[in-house]
Structure formats: structure tokens, C-alpha cells
């Protein structure tokens, strides 16, 4: 609905006050709660672990069968060390979490 002086005056309720765009955005998009930030960190943590597990699954099978190459074994170790770093991330830090960097070695 287009807003003009007439529609504005008909829509405004007694006691309403004008606010800035910035104030309106704060009201309609409040900052995330600590609980929401913690939940987001936990979800990201689980995503990164699942992603690493997917990348290393073949190497883990090859390791169990004793057919992994030394290069792939080294890559697997790098990825598993990365997973350990992700596992110890403290979700209670919320937006202040510093995520570990995944290995540069390509996961094949």
C-alpha cells in the first residue's frame, strides 16, 4: 500500500512516535541472543566435523585395509588433527569463536 499524508494519518495510532530507519531495523531485527549464537556455533562445529569426515572416509578405509599411501596417510593425519581442533571449540564463546584452518592438503 503506498503511503501518503492521508494514508499515514489514517494509519498512525495515538501515542505512536516517529523513529529512524536505524531504530526500526533494531526493533525488527534484534541482535541474536547468547543462546542463538551458541546454537549457531554448535551447528557450524558439527558441519565442519561432518565435512572433514566425508573428506577422510576413503582414507580411513584404506588405512584399515593397509592399502593407504604414505601421502594419503599424512593427509589423513592432518585432517584428523584439524577435527580435534574443531572438537575443542567452545560454543559458549558465540561470535568470538576463532575457527581452526582446515589443512591445505587436498582431500581426494
N, C-alpha and C. Protein backbone atom coordinates (compact mmCIF):
# COMPACT_ATOMS: atom_id res chain seq x y z
N UNK A 1 0.85 -1.17 0.00
CA UNK A 1 0.00 0.00 0.00
C UNK A 1 0.90 1.24 0.00
N UNK A 2 0.71 2.12 -0.97
CA UNK A 2 1.51 3.35 -1.00
C UNK A 2 1.16 4.24 0.20
N UNK A 3 2.17 4.87 0.73
CA UNK A 3 1.95 5.74 1.89
C UNK A 3 2.03 7.19 1.44
N UNK A 4 0.96 7.92 1.76
CA UNK A 4 0.96 9.37 1.53
C UNK A 4 0.44 10.02 2.81
N UNK A 5 0.29 11.32 2.79
CA UNK A 5 -0.12 12.02 4.01
C UNK A 5 -1.45 11.49 4.55
N UNK A 6 -2.42 11.26 3.66
CA UNK A 6 -3.74 10.79 4.10
C UNK A 6 -3.66 9.37 4.69
N UNK A 7 -3.01 8.46 3.98
CA UNK A 7 -2.93 7.09 4.49
C UNK A 7 -2.10 7.03 5.76
N UNK A 8 -1.07 7.87 5.83
CA UNK A 8 -0.23 7.92 7.03
C UNK A 8 -1.06 8.37 8.24
N UNK A 9 -1.80 9.46 8.07
CA UNK A 9 -2.59 9.98 9.18
C UNK A 9 -3.68 9.02 9.61
N UNK A 10 -4.23 8.26 8.66
CA UNK A 10 -5.27 7.28 8.99
C UNK A 10 -4.68 6.03 9.67
N UNK A 11 -3.42 5.75 9.39
CA UNK A 11 -2.79 4.53 9.92
C UNK A 11 -2.12 4.74 11.26
N UNK A 12 -1.67 5.95 11.51
CA UNK A 12 -0.92 6.22 12.75
C UNK A 12 -1.87 6.23 13.94
N UNK A 13 -1.48 5.53 14.98
CA UNK A 13 -2.28 5.45 16.19
C UNK A 13 -1.84 6.53 17.16
N UNK A 14 -2.75 6.94 18.01
CA UNK A 14 -2.40 7.92 19.05
C UNK A 14 -1.28 7.35 19.92
N UNK A 15 -0.33 8.19 20.23
CA UNK A 15 0.77 7.77 21.10
C UNK A 15 1.97 7.23 20.35
N UNK A 16 1.82 6.97 19.07
CA UNK A 16 2.97 6.49 18.28
C UNK A 16 3.94 7.65 18.11
N UNK A 17 5.21 7.30 18.06
CA UNK A 17 6.22 8.33 17.81
C UNK A 17 7.05 7.94 16.60
N UNK A 18 7.57 8.93 15.95
CA UNK A 18 8.41 8.67 14.77
C UNK A 18 9.76 8.13 15.24
N UNK A 19 10.26 7.15 14.49
CA UNK A 19 11.59 6.62 14.78
C UNK A 19 12.39 6.58 13.48
N UNK A 20 13.69 6.53 13.63
CA UNK A 20 14.56 6.50 12.46
C UNK A 20 14.56 5.10 11.83
N UNK A 21 15.08 5.03 10.64
CA UNK A 21 15.23 3.75 9.95
C UNK A 21 16.10 2.81 10.78
N UNK A 22 17.18 3.36 11.32
CA UNK A 22 18.10 2.56 12.14
C UNK A 22 17.37 1.99 13.36
N UNK A 23 16.56 2.80 14.00
CA UNK A 23 15.80 2.34 15.16
C UNK A 23 14.79 1.26 14.75
N UNK A 24 14.15 1.46 13.61
CA UNK A 24 13.18 0.47 13.13
C UNK A 24 13.87 -0.86 12.84
N UNK A 25 15.07 -0.80 12.26
CA UNK A 25 15.81 -2.02 11.95
C UNK A 25 16.20 -2.76 13.24
N UNK A 26 16.55 -2.02 14.26
CA UNK A 26 16.89 -2.66 15.54
C UNK A 26 15.67 -3.35 16.14
N UNK A 27 14.51 -2.73 15.98
CA UNK A 27 13.29 -3.32 16.53
C UNK A 27 12.87 -4.57 15.76
N UNK A 28 13.02 -4.53 14.44
CA UNK A 28 12.57 -5.65 13.63
C UNK A 28 13.64 -6.73 13.48
N UNK A 29 14.89 -6.40 13.74
CA UNK A 29 16.00 -7.36 13.64
C UNK A 29 16.87 -7.26 14.89
N UNK A 30 16.35 -7.70 16.02
CA UNK A 30 17.13 -7.57 17.25
C UNK A 30 18.40 -8.41 17.18
N UNK A 31 19.41 -8.04 17.97
CA UNK A 31 20.64 -8.85 17.98
C UNK A 31 20.32 -10.26 18.47
N UNK A 32 21.11 -11.21 18.01
CA UNK A 32 20.90 -12.60 18.41
C UNK A 32 21.19 -12.76 19.90
N UNK A 33 20.43 -13.66 20.51
CA UNK A 33 20.66 -13.95 21.92
C UNK A 33 21.90 -14.81 22.07
N UNK A 34 22.43 -14.87 23.27
CA UNK A 34 23.59 -15.72 23.56
C UNK A 34 23.27 -17.17 23.19
N UNK A 35 22.06 -17.61 23.49
CA UNK A 35 21.65 -18.99 23.18
C UNK A 35 21.65 -19.23 21.68
N UNK A 36 21.18 -18.25 20.90
CA UNK A 36 21.17 -18.40 19.45
C UNK A 36 22.59 -18.46 18.90
N UNK A 37 23.48 -17.63 19.43
CA UNK A 37 24.87 -17.64 18.99
C UNK A 37 25.54 -18.97 19.32
N UNK A 38 25.27 -19.49 20.50
CA UNK A 38 25.84 -20.78 20.90
C UNK A 38 25.32 -21.89 19.98
N UNK A 39 24.03 -21.87 19.68
CA UNK A 39 23.44 -22.88 18.79
C UNK A 39 24.05 -22.80 17.40
N UNK A 40 24.30 -21.59 16.90
CA UNK A 40 24.93 -21.43 15.59
C UNK A 40 26.35 -21.99 15.58
N UNK A 41 27.09 -21.72 16.64
CA UNK A 41 28.46 -22.24 16.73
C UNK A 41 28.44 -23.76 16.78
N UNK A 42 27.55 -24.32 17.56
CA UNK A 42 27.46 -25.78 17.66
C UNK A 42 27.09 -26.39 16.31
N UNK A 43 26.17 -25.76 15.59
CA UNK A 43 25.79 -26.26 14.27
C UNK A 43 26.97 -26.18 13.30
N UNK A 44 27.72 -25.09 13.33
CA UNK A 44 28.89 -24.94 12.47
C UNK A 44 29.95 -25.98 12.83
N UNK A 45 30.12 -26.21 14.10
CA UNK A 45 31.09 -27.20 14.58
C UNK A 45 30.74 -28.59 14.03
N UNK A 46 29.48 -28.98 14.15
CA UNK A 46 29.04 -30.28 13.64
C UNK A 46 29.19 -30.36 12.12
N UNK A 47 28.91 -29.25 11.44
CA UNK A 47 29.05 -29.22 9.99
C UNK A 47 30.51 -29.43 9.58
N UNK A 48 31.43 -28.74 10.24
CA UNK A 48 32.85 -28.86 9.90
C UNK A 48 33.37 -30.27 10.17
N UNK A 49 32.93 -30.87 11.26
CA UNK A 49 33.34 -32.25 11.58
C UNK A 49 32.79 -33.22 10.53
N UNK A 50 31.53 -33.06 10.17
CA UNK A 50 30.92 -33.93 9.15
C UNK A 50 31.62 -33.77 7.81
N UNK A 51 31.95 -32.54 7.46
CA UNK A 51 32.64 -32.26 6.20
C UNK A 51 34.02 -32.94 6.20
N UNK A 52 34.75 -32.83 7.29
CA UNK A 52 36.07 -33.47 7.39
C UNK A 52 35.93 -34.98 7.35
N UNK A 53 34.93 -35.52 8.01
CA UNK A 53 34.72 -36.98 7.99
C UNK A 53 34.42 -37.47 6.58
N UNK A 54 33.64 -36.69 5.85
CA UNK A 54 33.33 -37.06 4.47
C UNK A 54 34.60 -37.06 3.62
N UNK A 55 35.45 -36.07 3.82
CA UNK A 55 36.68 -35.96 3.03
C UNK A 55 37.67 -37.07 3.37
N UNK A 56 37.62 -37.58 4.58
CA UNK A 56 38.63 -38.56 5.02
C UNK A 56 38.13 -40.00 5.05
N UNK A 57 36.88 -40.21 4.76
CA UNK A 57 36.29 -41.55 4.87
C UNK A 57 37.05 -42.59 4.04
N UNK A 58 37.37 -42.27 2.81
CA UNK A 58 38.08 -43.21 1.94
C UNK A 58 39.45 -43.54 2.51
N UNK A 59 40.16 -42.52 2.99
CA UNK A 59 41.49 -42.75 3.57
C UNK A 59 41.40 -43.64 4.80
N UNK A 60 40.36 -43.45 5.61
CA UNK A 60 40.22 -44.27 6.81
C UNK A 60 40.01 -45.74 6.45
N UNK A 61 39.23 -45.98 5.41
CA UNK A 61 39.01 -47.35 4.94
C UNK A 61 40.32 -47.93 4.42
N UNK A 62 41.05 -47.14 3.63
CA UNK A 62 42.33 -47.61 3.10
C UNK A 62 43.31 -47.91 4.23
N UNK A 63 43.31 -47.09 5.27
CA UNK A 63 44.19 -47.31 6.42
C UNK A 63 43.85 -48.63 7.10
N UNK A 64 42.57 -48.88 7.31
CA UNK A 64 42.14 -50.13 7.95
C UNK A 64 42.53 -51.35 7.13
N UNK A 65 42.50 -51.21 5.81
CA UNK A 65 42.84 -52.32 4.93
C UNK A 65 44.34 -52.43 4.68
N UNK A 66 45.08 -51.44 5.16
CA UNK A 66 46.53 -51.46 4.98
C UNK A 66 46.97 -51.11 3.57
N UNK A 67 46.13 -50.38 2.84
CA UNK A 67 46.47 -50.06 1.44
C UNK A 67 46.60 -48.56 1.19
N UNK A 68 46.74 -47.78 2.25
CA UNK A 68 46.84 -46.33 2.10
C UNK A 68 48.27 -45.95 1.71
N UNK A 69 48.40 -44.94 0.87
CA UNK A 69 49.74 -44.44 0.51
C UNK A 69 50.26 -43.57 1.65
N UNK A 70 51.56 -43.38 1.69
CA UNK A 70 52.15 -42.53 2.73
C UNK A 70 51.64 -41.09 2.61
N UNK A 71 51.49 -40.62 1.37
CA UNK A 71 50.98 -39.26 1.15
C UNK A 71 49.57 -39.10 1.70
N UNK A 72 48.72 -40.08 1.40
CA UNK A 72 47.34 -40.01 1.89
C UNK A 72 47.28 -40.20 3.41
N UNK A 73 48.17 -41.01 3.94
CA UNK A 73 48.23 -41.20 5.39
C UNK A 73 48.60 -39.89 6.08
N UNK A 74 49.54 -39.15 5.50
CA UNK A 74 49.93 -37.85 6.06
C UNK A 74 48.76 -36.86 5.98
N UNK A 75 48.03 -36.89 4.86
CA UNK A 75 46.86 -36.01 4.72
C UNK A 75 45.78 -36.38 5.73
N UNK A 76 45.56 -37.67 5.90
CA UNK A 76 44.57 -38.13 6.88
C UNK A 76 44.94 -37.63 8.28
N UNK A 77 46.21 -37.72 8.62
CA UNK A 77 46.65 -37.25 9.93
C UNK A 77 46.39 -35.76 10.09
N UNK A 78 46.70 -34.97 9.05
CA UNK A 78 46.44 -33.52 9.11
C UNK A 78 44.96 -33.24 9.34
N UNK A 79 44.11 -33.95 8.62
CA UNK A 79 42.68 -33.73 8.75
C UNK A 79 42.17 -34.16 10.12
N UNK A 80 42.71 -35.23 10.65
CA UNK A 80 42.27 -35.69 11.97
C UNK A 80 42.73 -34.72 13.06
N UNK A 81 43.90 -34.12 12.91
CA UNK A 81 44.35 -33.10 13.85
C UNK A 81 43.44 -31.87 13.78
N UNK A 82 43.02 -31.54 12.56
CA UNK A 82 42.08 -30.43 12.36
C UNK A 82 40.75 -30.73 13.07
N UNK A 83 40.25 -31.96 12.91
CA UNK A 83 39.00 -32.35 13.57
C UNK A 83 39.13 -32.22 15.08
N UNK A 84 40.27 -32.61 15.62
CA UNK A 84 40.48 -32.46 17.06
C UNK A 84 40.40 -31.00 17.48
N UNK A 85 40.97 -30.12 16.67
CA UNK A 85 40.91 -28.68 16.97
C UNK A 85 39.47 -28.17 16.93
N UNK A 86 38.71 -28.65 15.95
CA UNK A 86 37.30 -28.24 15.85
C UNK A 86 36.51 -28.77 17.05
N UNK A 87 36.80 -30.00 17.46
CA UNK A 87 36.07 -30.60 18.58
C UNK A 87 36.22 -29.82 19.88
N UNK A 88 37.35 -29.16 20.07
CA UNK A 88 37.56 -28.45 21.34
C UNK A 88 37.09 -27.00 21.29
N UNK A 89 36.51 -26.58 20.17
CA UNK A 89 35.96 -25.22 20.09
C UNK A 89 34.85 -25.10 21.12
N UNK A 90 34.88 -24.03 21.88
CA UNK A 90 33.91 -23.79 22.95
C UNK A 90 32.73 -22.98 22.41
N UNK A 91 31.56 -23.62 22.22
CA UNK A 91 30.41 -22.90 21.69
C UNK A 91 29.96 -21.72 22.54
N UNK A 92 30.28 -21.73 23.83
CA UNK A 92 29.83 -20.63 24.69
C UNK A 92 30.51 -19.31 24.33
N UNK A 93 31.54 -19.36 23.50
CA UNK A 93 32.19 -18.12 23.06
C UNK A 93 31.35 -17.37 22.03
N UNK A 94 30.35 -18.05 21.46
CA UNK A 94 29.47 -17.40 20.49
C UNK A 94 30.22 -16.85 19.31
N UNK A 95 29.95 -15.59 18.99
CA UNK A 95 30.55 -14.96 17.80
C UNK A 95 32.06 -14.75 17.95
N UNK A 96 32.60 -14.91 19.15
CA UNK A 96 34.04 -14.70 19.37
C UNK A 96 34.87 -15.94 19.03
N UNK A 97 34.23 -17.01 18.59
CA UNK A 97 34.96 -18.24 18.25
C UNK A 97 35.94 -17.97 17.11
N UNK A 98 37.14 -18.51 17.27
CA UNK A 98 38.13 -18.47 16.19
C UNK A 98 38.25 -19.91 15.69
N UNK A 99 37.80 -20.11 14.46
CA UNK A 99 37.79 -21.46 13.90
C UNK A 99 39.18 -21.84 13.40
N UNK A 100 39.56 -23.11 13.61
CA UNK A 100 40.84 -23.56 13.06
C UNK A 100 40.78 -23.59 11.53
N UNK A 101 41.94 -23.48 10.93
CA UNK A 101 42.03 -23.50 9.47
C UNK A 101 42.15 -24.95 9.00
N UNK A 102 41.33 -25.36 8.03
CA UNK A 102 41.45 -26.73 7.53
C UNK A 102 42.79 -26.94 6.82
N UNK A 103 43.23 -28.18 6.74
CA UNK A 103 44.51 -28.46 6.09
C UNK A 103 44.52 -27.99 4.64
N UNK A 104 45.71 -27.61 4.20
CA UNK A 104 45.88 -27.17 2.82
C UNK A 104 45.95 -28.37 1.88
N UNK A 105 46.30 -29.53 2.44
CA UNK A 105 46.42 -30.71 1.58
C UNK A 105 45.06 -31.07 1.02
N UNK A 106 45.01 -31.37 -0.27
CA UNK A 106 43.72 -31.67 -0.88
C UNK A 106 43.17 -33.01 -0.39
N UNK A 107 41.92 -33.01 -0.05
CA UNK A 107 41.25 -34.26 0.30
C UNK A 107 40.71 -34.85 -0.99
N UNK A 108 41.17 -36.03 -1.32
CA UNK A 108 40.73 -36.65 -2.58
C UNK A 108 39.67 -37.68 -2.36
